[in-house]
Amino acid sequence: MFLLLSAGCNFSEATTDAGLVDGGGGDASVTEAPRVVAVSATGHDRFYGVTFDPAGNFYAVGVVSESNVAATADFETVVAKFTPTGALDTTFGAGGYARRNVAVGLNGEVARGVVVQSTGKVVAVATIEHVAAGADARDRDIALVRFNTDGSRDTTFGADGVVTLDLSDGMVVGTGYVADAAWGLTAYADDRLLVTGAQRRDGGTVADFAVVRLTADGARDDSFGTRGVATINVNDRNANPRTPTLLPDGGIVGSGYIDDGGVVKAVLFKLTAAGRPDATFGTGGIFAPTVLAVTTEAYDAIPQGSSFVTAGYGRNATTESLDWVSLRVSGTGVLDPTWGTAGVARIDLARFNDNARALAALPGNRILMVGGGRPSETNVDGMIGVLTATGQADTTFAPRGLRTYDFGGVSDFFWAVAVNPARTHAAIVGARGVGVAAGATTANDDSVVFLLPL
């Protein structure tokens, strides 16, 4: 049913590099090994997204909490700019970082998407707390924040640099809460913006996938979907949205997953350029079959010829560990049996839980995937894998197609990857998760950047 790339409990073939700690100066090269970047020396910070501009600079987006590691710490959005050689560009923002605390005093702000418009302005998308008198602390909205080319606040965008999207009213459902959420952001050639996320279904108690198209300056594009929003209902289940991909014809492919009666199913959906379901793909524009019997998740999907390749994770039985899972889905929305084994490439580091988060296309239709892998039950390292054009381990990259990197934490992850315009390097970002020992109050997560030569 699948290709299992496993070394059992012997993971000596994986390459392990210790990260270099940067206290914020940012002058060291990151081409040789991942570098830990402490945006805040005493608070949590993590990078979740990355993109390049045409000149080869790259921008990492994430969150930072200043001088506070408590569960109630106030997070703010941060964008860091790096030069084509991987040095922090200290002329951007304050010492290389543009920061904006959209919902002050609250802890639900999470920024994951970033784009650079043709003007050089930088836009980030985040899930934020719904700030209103009497609001439930669990309610959320979507915010887009724009910075000028020098990292200063762009006051011409929305309200003082922020466009807030309150797509639906949050609701308590059982012991949970259903609300708006943002995950991905991409930009059109004409600088229009596309956000993927979720919103509570009108009159319902579950979240639907939501895709929002905005003008270059953040106004809803009424020519798309309904008042700029396309919603996708998959089996009346809660949507877990992930990354969007724009296609050359203006169509859109979104990824994510649902829990369908206890079976977690990967979801790909395809929309036309007008934000309508593409009836030529899957069932009514949706691919969501049972692939692995227990769990199959899709965190990202990119084109490969006329098909789409995913990155995520899954397992076939509750007794199995979670492994990296990559699917190839045809242009008509069916699993491609020529990928991996019967359409599934399944990658296991050492018989413990592994999670892939994102992927990028390499020359020759190869696929580069990033995420985390467990060399032991209690430790996660950043992991990079490369698959061939048919979903097999690329042994020219590493003996089993895998390399692991220890940043110095117990929960180290790569979260996003982008390839530079020259196709010579991939920028990979993530976080060193240090964990908190009993009684410890000073341990804090730090961001990670890696400029990988291709």
Protein backbone atom coordinates (compact mmCIF):
# COMPACT_ATOMS: atom_id res chain seq x y z
CA MET A 1 0.00 0.00 0.00
CA PHE A 2 2.92 2.35 0.66
CA LEU A 3 6.65 2.91 0.40
CA LEU A 4 8.26 2.62 3.84
CA LEU A 5 11.66 4.27 4.06
CA SER A 6 12.78 3.07 7.47
CA ALA A 7 15.93 2.24 9.33
CA GLY A 8 14.07 0.70 12.23
CA CYS A 9 15.90 1.81 15.36
CA ASN A 10 19.15 2.40 13.48
CA PHE A 11 19.24 5.98 12.30
CA SER A 12 22.99 6.39 11.98
CA GLU A 13 22.68 7.10 8.26
CA ALA A 14 20.91 10.41 8.93
CA THR A 15 23.11 13.50 9.01
CA THR A 16 22.95 15.45 12.27
CA ASP A 17 24.26 19.01 12.50
CA ALA A 18 24.19 21.19 15.60
CA GLY A 19 22.72 24.63 14.99
CA LEU A 20 24.75 27.80 15.55
CA VAL A 21 23.24 30.18 18.09
CA ASP A 22 22.88 33.80 16.96
CA GLY A 23 22.08 36.34 19.64
CA GLY A 24 20.59 38.71 17.08
CA GLY A 25 23.58 40.18 15.21
CA GLY A 26 22.87 38.01 12.20
CA ASP A 27 26.21 38.30 10.37
CA ALA A 28 27.02 34.59 10.21
CA SER A 29 26.32 32.58 7.08
CA VAL A 30 23.56 30.00 7.34
CA THR A 31 24.59 27.96 4.31
CA GLU A 32 26.48 25.29 6.25
CA ALA A 33 24.00 24.43 9.02
CA PRO A 34 20.73 25.65 10.50
CA ARG A 35 21.15 28.69 12.71
CA VAL A 36 19.18 29.43 15.86
CA VAL A 37 18.05 33.06 15.86
CA ALA A 38 16.88 34.50 19.18
CA VAL A 39 14.46 37.23 18.14
CA SER A 40 13.73 37.61 21.85
CA ALA A 41 16.52 36.61 24.20
CA THR A 42 14.11 35.75 27.02
CA GLY A 43 10.72 35.08 25.38
CA HIS A 44 9.41 32.51 22.92
CA ASP A 45 9.88 33.11 19.20
CA ARG A 46 9.20 30.78 16.28
CA PHE A 47 9.29 31.07 12.46
CA TYR A 48 6.39 29.41 10.61
CA GLY A 49 6.58 30.74 7.02
CA VAL A 50 9.11 31.95 4.45
CA THR A 51 9.22 33.56 1.00
CA PHE A 52 11.73 35.15 -1.40
CA ASP A 53 11.67 38.46 -3.22
CA PRO A 54 12.91 38.77 -6.84
CA ALA A 55 16.37 39.89 -5.66
CA GLY A 56 16.86 36.70 -3.66
CA ASN A 57 16.30 38.15 -0.20
CA PHE A 58 14.13 35.94 1.96
CA TYR A 59 11.59 36.81 4.64
CA ALA A 60 10.61 34.63 7.59
CA VAL A 61 7.34 35.17 9.44
CA GLY A 62 6.29 33.97 12.86
CA VAL A 63 5.61 35.06 16.40
CA VAL A 64 7.52 36.50 19.33
CA SER A 65 6.68 37.06 23.00
CA GLU A 66 8.98 39.52 24.70
CA SER A 67 10.51 38.46 28.01
CA ASN A 68 7.72 36.06 28.91
CA VAL A 69 7.42 32.30 28.64
CA ALA A 70 4.16 31.92 30.54
CA ALA A 71 1.17 30.27 28.87
CA THR A 72 -0.55 33.66 28.92
CA ALA A 73 2.34 35.47 27.19
CA ASP A 74 1.31 38.15 24.69
CA PHE A 75 2.42 37.09 21.19
CA GLU A 76 3.00 39.49 18.32
CA THR A 77 3.67 39.04 14.62
CA VAL A 78 7.28 39.28 13.45
CA VAL A 79 8.83 39.34 9.97
CA ALA A 80 12.61 38.98 9.58
CA LYS A 81 14.53 39.86 6.41
CA PHE A 82 17.65 37.96 5.32
CA THR A 83 20.02 38.72 2.45
CA PRO A 84 20.61 36.24 -0.39
CA THR A 85 23.60 34.86 1.54
CA GLY A 86 21.52 34.33 4.68
CA ALA A 87 22.68 37.27 6.78
CA LEU A 88 20.07 39.16 8.78
CA ASP A 89 19.39 42.50 7.02
CA THR A 90 19.64 44.87 9.96
CA THR A 91 18.40 47.82 7.84
CA PHE A 92 14.92 46.24 7.85
CA GLY A 93 12.60 47.16 10.71
CA ALA A 94 14.47 47.28 14.02
CA GLY A 95 17.72 45.35 13.62
CA GLY A 96 16.27 43.09 10.91
CA TYR A 97 12.82 42.52 12.45
CA ALA A 98 9.49 44.16 11.65
CA ARG A 99 7.08 43.57 14.51
CA ARG A 100 3.40 44.29 15.03
CA ASN A 101 1.29 43.36 18.02
CA VAL A 102 -2.15 43.22 16.41
CA ALA A 103 -4.09 42.07 19.50
CA VAL A 104 -2.30 43.59 22.45
CA GLY A 105 -2.21 41.75 25.75
CA LEU A 106 -3.53 38.42 24.46
CA ASN A 107 -1.86 35.12 23.57
CA GLY A 108 -3.67 33.82 20.48
CA GLU A 109 -1.78 35.64 17.71
CA VAL A 110 -0.14 33.20 15.26
CA ALA A 111 1.37 34.37 11.95
CA ARG A 112 2.13 31.70 9.34
CA GLY A 113 2.02 33.26 5.85
CA VAL A 114 4.15 35.95 4.20
CA VAL A 115 4.44 37.40 0.67
CA VAL A 116 6.34 40.23 -1.00
CA GLN A 117 4.35 42.35 -3.43
CA SER A 118 5.87 43.81 -6.62
CA THR A 119 6.25 47.14 -4.79
CA GLY A 120 8.55 45.47 -2.28
CA LYS A 121 5.97 45.78 0.48
CA VAL A 122 5.70 42.76 2.76
CA VAL A 123 2.37 41.26 3.85
CA ALA A 124 1.90 38.73 6.64
CA VAL A 125 -1.25 36.86 7.64
CA ALA A 126 -2.11 35.77 11.15
CA THR A 127 -4.87 34.32 13.25
CA ILE A 128 -5.61 36.87 15.98
CA GLU A 129 -7.88 37.17 19.00
CA HIS A 130 -11.31 38.71 18.39
CA VAL A 131 -10.99 41.96 20.30
CA ALA A 132 -14.42 43.19 21.41
CA ALA A 133 -16.15 43.95 24.66
CA GLY A 134 -17.49 40.76 26.17
CA ALA A 135 -15.93 38.52 23.49
CA ASP A 136 -15.11 34.93 24.36
CA ALA A 137 -11.34 34.69 24.86
CA ARG A 138 -11.29 31.76 22.41
CA ASP A 139 -12.84 33.69 19.52
CA ARG A 140 -10.52 34.43 16.60
CA ASP A 141 -10.31 36.61 13.46
CA ILE A 142 -7.90 36.81 10.52
CA ALA A 143 -5.50 39.75 10.16
CA LEU A 144 -3.23 40.84 7.34
CA VAL A 145 -0.38 43.18 8.26
CA ARG A 146 1.62 45.16 5.69
CA PHE A 147 5.08 46.62 6.12
CA ASN A 148 6.94 49.06 3.87
CA THR A 149 10.15 48.03 2.15
CA ASP A 150 12.17 49.24 5.13
CA GLY A 151 10.04 47.26 7.60
CA SER A 152 8.09 50.26 8.89
CA ARG A 153 4.32 50.15 9.35
CA ASP A 154 2.40 50.77 6.10
CA THR A 155 -0.38 53.07 7.26
CA THR A 156 -1.97 53.09 3.77
CA PHE A 157 -3.05 49.47 4.23
CA GLY A 158 -6.35 48.87 6.03
CA ALA A 159 -6.54 50.54 9.43
CA ASP A 160 -3.05 51.71 10.35
CA GLY A 161 -1.46 48.85 8.44
CA VAL A 162 -3.87 46.05 9.40
CA VAL A 163 -6.81 44.50 7.54
CA THR A 164 -9.01 42.45 9.86
CA LEU A 165 -11.36 39.77 8.52
CA ASP A 166 -14.12 38.70 10.88
CA LEU A 167 -15.63 36.00 8.67
CA SER A 168 -17.93 34.39 11.24
CA ASP A 169 -19.09 34.53 14.83
CA GLY A 170 -17.32 32.04 17.04
CA MET A 171 -19.33 29.41 18.89
CA VAL A 172 -18.89 27.04 21.81
CA VAL A 173 -19.43 23.49 20.56
CA GLY A 174 -19.31 20.87 23.30
CA THR A 175 -15.99 21.32 25.06
CA GLY A 176 -14.45 23.06 22.03
CA TYR A 177 -14.78 26.33 20.20
CA VAL A 178 -15.29 26.94 16.46
CA ALA A 179 -13.92 30.20 15.07
CA ASP A 180 -12.10 31.84 12.17
CA ALA A 181 -8.52 30.79 11.48
CA ALA A 182 -5.79 31.67 8.98
CA TRP A 183 -2.97 29.51 7.67
CA GLY A 184 -1.69 30.31 4.18
CA LEU A 185 -1.03 33.41 2.09
CA THR A 186 -0.01 33.82 -1.52
CA ALA A 187 0.11 36.71 -3.98
CA TYR A 188 -0.89 37.06 -7.62
CA ALA A 189 1.38 38.66 -10.20
CA ASP A 190 -0.77 41.81 -9.96
CA ASP A 191 -0.35 41.83 -6.14
CA ARG A 192 -3.83 40.62 -5.23
CA LEU A 193 -3.76 38.54 -2.07
CA LEU A 194 -5.16 35.08 -1.38
CA VAL A 195 -5.69 33.75 2.15
CA THR A 196 -6.60 30.19 3.14
CA GLY A 197 -8.19 29.49 6.47
CA ALA A 198 -11.47 28.44 8.05
CA GLN A 199 -14.72 29.98 9.23
CA ARG A 200 -17.73 28.67 11.09
CA ARG A 201 -20.42 27.55 8.68
CA ASP A 202 -23.34 29.96 8.46
CA GLY A 203 -25.98 28.50 10.77
CA GLY A 204 -23.79 25.50 11.59
CA THR A 205 -21.50 24.22 14.32
CA VAL A 206 -18.48 23.16 12.25
CA ALA A 207 -15.77 25.07 10.40
CA ASP A 208 -15.58 25.09 6.62
CA PHE A 209 -12.44 25.66 4.56
CA ALA A 210 -12.38 29.33 3.52
CA VAL A 211 -10.43 31.06 0.75
CA VAL A 212 -10.44 34.86 0.70
CA ARG A 213 -9.26 37.00 -2.20
CA LEU A 214 -8.32 40.62 -1.61
CA THR A 215 -7.15 43.45 -3.82
CA ALA A 216 -3.51 44.50 -3.61
CA ASP A 217 -4.48 46.99 -0.91
CA GLY A 218 -6.54 44.61 1.19
CA ALA A 219 -10.15 45.19 0.07
CA ARG A 220 -12.33 42.15 -0.53
CA ASP A 221 -12.47 41.15 -4.20
CA ASP A 222 -16.21 40.84 -4.89
CA SER A 223 -15.53 39.03 -8.19
CA PHE A 224 -14.34 36.00 -6.20
CA GLY A 225 -16.68 33.55 -4.47
CA THR A 226 -19.29 35.39 -2.44
CA ARG A 227 -18.12 38.86 -1.41
CA GLY A 228 -14.54 37.71 -1.84
CA VAL A 229 -14.88 34.46 0.11
CA ALA A 230 -15.17 30.88 -1.16
CA THR A 231 -16.16 28.26 1.41
CA ILE A 232 -15.73 24.50 1.01
CA ASN A 233 -17.79 22.00 3.01
CA VAL A 234 -16.12 18.58 3.16
CA ASN A 235 -18.44 15.87 4.48
CA ASP A 236 -19.96 18.27 7.07
CA ARG A 237 -16.77 17.92 9.13
CA ASN A 238 -14.52 20.49 10.79
CA ALA A 239 -11.94 21.87 8.38
CA ASN A 240 -8.25 21.98 9.26
CA PRO A 241 -6.89 24.33 6.58
CA ARG A 242 -3.32 24.42 5.39
CA THR A 243 -1.42 25.95 2.45
CA PRO A 244 -2.82 27.37 -0.84
CA THR A 245 -1.22 27.07 -4.28
CA LEU A 246 -1.98 29.33 -7.24
CA LEU A 247 -2.05 27.62 -10.63
CA PRO A 248 -0.97 29.13 -13.96
CA ASP A 249 -4.59 29.33 -15.19
CA GLY A 250 -5.66 31.25 -12.09
CA GLY A 251 -7.13 28.21 -10.39
CA ILE A 252 -6.40 27.42 -6.76
CA VAL A 253 -5.54 24.21 -4.92
CA GLY A 254 -5.94 24.14 -1.16
CA SER A 255 -4.82 21.47 1.29
CA GLY A 256 -5.72 20.31 4.78
CA TYR A 257 -7.57 17.49 6.48
CA ILE A 258 -10.77 16.50 8.29
CA ASP A 259 -11.65 14.01 11.01
CA ASP A 260 -14.41 12.02 9.32
CA GLY A 261 -15.97 9.85 12.03
CA GLY A 262 -12.66 8.92 13.59
CA VAL A 263 -10.71 8.54 10.34
CA VAL A 264 -8.48 11.52 9.55
CA LYS A 265 -8.55 12.17 5.80
CA ALA A 266 -6.28 14.35 3.69
CA VAL A 267 -8.15 17.01 1.74
CA LEU A 268 -7.29 18.71 -1.51
CA PHE A 269 -9.80 21.05 -3.06
CA LYS A 270 -9.64 22.90 -6.34
CA LEU A 271 -11.32 26.20 -7.19
CA THR A 272 -11.65 28.06 -10.45
CA ALA A 273 -10.17 31.52 -10.84
CA ALA A 274 -13.59 32.90 -9.87
CA GLY A 275 -13.64 31.00 -6.58
CA ARG A 276 -16.08 28.28 -7.59
CA PRO A 277 -15.57 24.52 -7.11
CA ASP A 278 -13.79 23.01 -10.11
CA ALA A 279 -16.09 20.17 -11.14
CA THR A 280 -13.32 18.54 -13.20
CA PHE A 281 -11.42 17.67 -10.00
CA GLY A 282 -12.38 14.87 -7.61
CA THR A 283 -15.99 14.93 -6.44
CA GLY A 284 -17.37 18.42 -6.86
CA GLY A 285 -13.87 19.87 -6.70
CA ILE A 286 -12.79 17.85 -3.63
CA PHE A 287 -10.36 14.96 -3.05
CA ALA A 288 -10.96 13.42 0.40
CA PRO A 289 -10.92 9.60 0.28
CA THR A 290 -9.63 7.27 2.97
CA VAL A 291 -5.97 6.66 2.04
CA LEU A 292 -4.36 5.27 5.19
CA ALA A 293 -6.88 3.57 7.45
CA VAL A 294 -6.36 5.77 10.54
CA THR A 295 -4.68 9.08 9.62
CA THR A 296 -3.64 10.87 6.43
CA GLU A 297 -2.96 14.62 6.60
CA ALA A 298 -1.93 17.09 3.89
CA TYR A 299 -0.08 20.20 5.08
CA ASP A 300 0.97 21.39 1.64
CA ALA A 301 0.38 20.58 -2.03
CA ILE A 302 2.29 21.72 -5.12
CA PRO A 303 1.95 20.96 -8.84
CA GLN A 304 4.11 18.31 -10.48
CA GLY A 305 3.25 18.37 -14.15
CA SER A 306 -0.54 18.01 -14.29
CA SER A 307 -0.67 16.33 -10.86
CA PHE A 308 -0.29 17.53 -7.27
CA VAL A 309 2.13 16.22 -4.66
CA THR A 310 1.45 16.63 -0.93
CA ALA A 311 3.43 16.68 2.30
CA GLY A 312 1.96 15.57 5.60
CA TYR A 313 1.87 12.52 7.81
CA GLY A 314 -0.22 9.52 8.73
CA ARG A 315 -0.50 5.89 9.79
CA ASN A 316 -2.45 2.78 8.84
CA ALA A 317 -3.17 1.49 12.36
CA THR A 318 -3.24 2.88 15.87
CA THR A 319 -0.36 0.57 16.74
CA GLU A 320 1.87 2.25 14.16
CA SER A 321 3.88 5.44 14.55
CA LEU A 322 3.03 8.51 12.51
CA ASP A 323 5.27 8.72 9.44
CA TRP A 324 5.84 11.35 6.79
CA VAL A 325 3.28 10.80 4.04
CA SER A 326 3.34 12.20 0.52
CA LEU A 327 0.52 11.57 -1.96
CA ARG A 328 0.34 12.28 -5.65
CA VAL A 329 -3.12 13.25 -6.86
CA SER A 330 -3.89 13.48 -10.58
CA GLY A 331 -5.24 16.57 -12.26
CA THR A 332 -8.67 14.96 -12.19
CA GLY A 333 -8.53 14.42 -8.44
CA VAL A 334 -7.72 10.73 -8.00
CA LEU A 335 -4.77 9.07 -6.27
CA ASP A 336 -1.95 8.37 -8.73
CA PRO A 337 -0.80 4.74 -8.21
CA THR A 338 2.55 5.41 -9.94
CA TRP A 339 3.76 7.55 -7.00
CA GLY A 340 5.66 5.79 -4.23
CA THR A 341 3.72 2.56 -3.72
CA ALA A 342 0.09 2.70 -4.89
CA GLY A 343 0.11 6.50 -4.74
CA VAL A 344 1.67 6.86 -1.29
CA ALA A 345 5.27 7.56 -0.25
CA ARG A 346 5.58 6.87 3.47
CA ILE A 347 8.81 7.86 5.23
CA ASP A 348 9.88 6.71 8.69
CA LEU A 349 13.06 7.80 10.46
CA ALA A 350 13.28 5.44 13.43
CA ARG A 351 9.88 3.91 14.25
CA PHE A 352 8.71 6.94 16.25
CA ASN A 353 6.27 9.73 15.32
CA ASP A 354 7.47 11.94 12.42
CA ASN A 355 5.63 14.94 10.91
CA ALA A 356 6.18 16.65 7.53
CA ARG A 357 5.05 20.27 7.26
CA ALA A 358 5.87 21.63 3.79
CA LEU A 359 7.45 20.86 0.44
CA ALA A 360 9.02 22.48 -2.61
CA ALA A 361 9.74 21.43 -6.19
CA LEU A 362 13.32 20.76 -7.27
CA PRO A 363 14.74 20.32 -10.78
CA GLY A 364 13.92 17.00 -12.41
CA ASN A 365 10.51 16.81 -10.71
CA ARG A 366 12.16 15.89 -7.42
CA ILE A 367 10.42 16.92 -4.21
CA LEU A 368 12.04 18.46 -1.13
CA MET A 369 10.08 17.98 2.12
CA VAL A 370 10.69 19.51 5.54
CA GLY A 371 9.37 18.85 9.03
CA GLY A 372 10.43 16.94 12.12
CA GLY A 373 11.65 13.42 12.77
CA ARG A 374 12.10 11.49 16.01
CA PRO A 375 15.44 9.71 16.47
CA SER A 376 14.04 8.64 19.85
CA GLU A 377 10.65 8.68 21.53
CA THR A 378 11.43 11.78 23.58
CA ASN A 379 13.29 13.92 21.05
CA VAL A 380 12.37 15.59 17.74
CA ASP A 381 14.96 16.91 15.27
CA GLY A 382 14.45 19.04 12.20
CA MET A 383 14.33 16.77 9.15
CA ILE A 384 14.71 17.24 5.39
CA GLY A 385 13.90 14.58 2.82
CA VAL A 386 14.11 14.41 -0.95
CA LEU A 387 11.99 12.17 -3.19
CA THR A 388 12.62 11.30 -6.80
CA ALA A 389 10.16 12.10 -9.58
CA THR A 390 8.34 8.84 -8.80
CA GLY A 391 8.19 9.21 -5.02
CA GLN A 392 11.20 7.06 -4.09
CA ALA A 393 14.01 8.01 -1.69
CA ASP A 394 16.58 10.19 -3.47
CA THR A 395 19.82 8.58 -2.36
CA THR A 396 21.89 11.28 -4.09
CA PHE A 397 20.73 13.64 -1.30
CA ALA A 398 21.42 11.26 1.57
CA PRO A 399 21.79 7.46 1.97
CA ARG A 400 18.05 7.09 2.68
CA GLY A 401 17.02 10.45 1.24
CA LEU A 402 16.85 11.94 4.76
CA ARG A 403 18.95 14.32 6.83
CA THR A 404 18.23 15.30 10.43
CA TYR A 405 19.38 18.40 12.31
CA ASP A 406 19.55 18.87 16.07
CA PHE A 407 19.00 22.54 16.97
CA GLY A 408 19.55 21.84 20.66
CA GLY A 409 15.94 21.42 21.75
CA VAL A 410 13.74 18.44 22.49
CA SER A 411 11.14 19.49 19.91
CA ASP A 412 12.99 20.92 16.89
CA PHE A 413 10.99 21.49 13.71
CA PHE A 414 11.30 22.89 10.23
CA TRP A 415 7.96 24.51 9.38
CA ALA A 416 8.31 26.02 5.90
CA VAL A 417 10.48 26.06 2.79
CA ALA A 418 10.87 28.26 -0.30
CA VAL A 419 13.28 28.05 -3.24
CA ASN A 420 15.10 31.19 -4.38
CA PRO A 421 14.53 32.66 -7.87
CA ALA A 422 17.92 31.39 -9.07
CA ARG A 423 16.98 27.84 -7.97
CA THR A 424 20.32 27.49 -6.17
CA HIS A 425 19.20 27.48 -2.53
CA ALA A 426 16.18 26.68 -0.39
CA ALA A 427 15.35 28.82 2.62
CA ILE A 428 13.98 26.64 5.42
CA VAL A 429 12.65 28.05 8.69
CA GLY A 430 11.37 26.62 11.95
CA ALA A 431 11.96 26.62 15.67
CA ARG A 432 14.06 25.11 18.41
CA GLY A 433 11.58 23.78 20.97
CA VAL A 434 13.40 23.59 24.26
CA GLY A 435 10.61 22.27 26.46
CA VAL A 436 10.29 23.24 30.11
CA ALA A 437 11.71 21.07 32.86
CA ALA A 438 9.86 20.82 36.16
CA GLY A 439 10.23 24.12 37.98
CA ALA A 440 12.02 25.87 35.09
CA THR A 441 10.81 29.36 34.21
CA THR A 442 13.45 30.72 31.82
CA ALA A 443 13.58 28.17 28.97
CA ASN A 444 12.27 29.65 25.73
CA ASP A 445 11.83 28.53 22.13
CA ASP A 446 13.90 30.27 19.45
CA SER A 447 13.58 30.61 15.70
CA VAL A 448 15.70 28.69 13.18
CA VAL A 449 16.83 29.58 9.65
CA PHE A 450 18.69 27.43 7.13
CA LEU A 451 19.84 28.32 3.62
CA LEU A 452 20.31 24.92 2.02
CA PRO A 453 22.40 24.70 -1.17
CA LEU A 454 20.54 22.69 -3.81
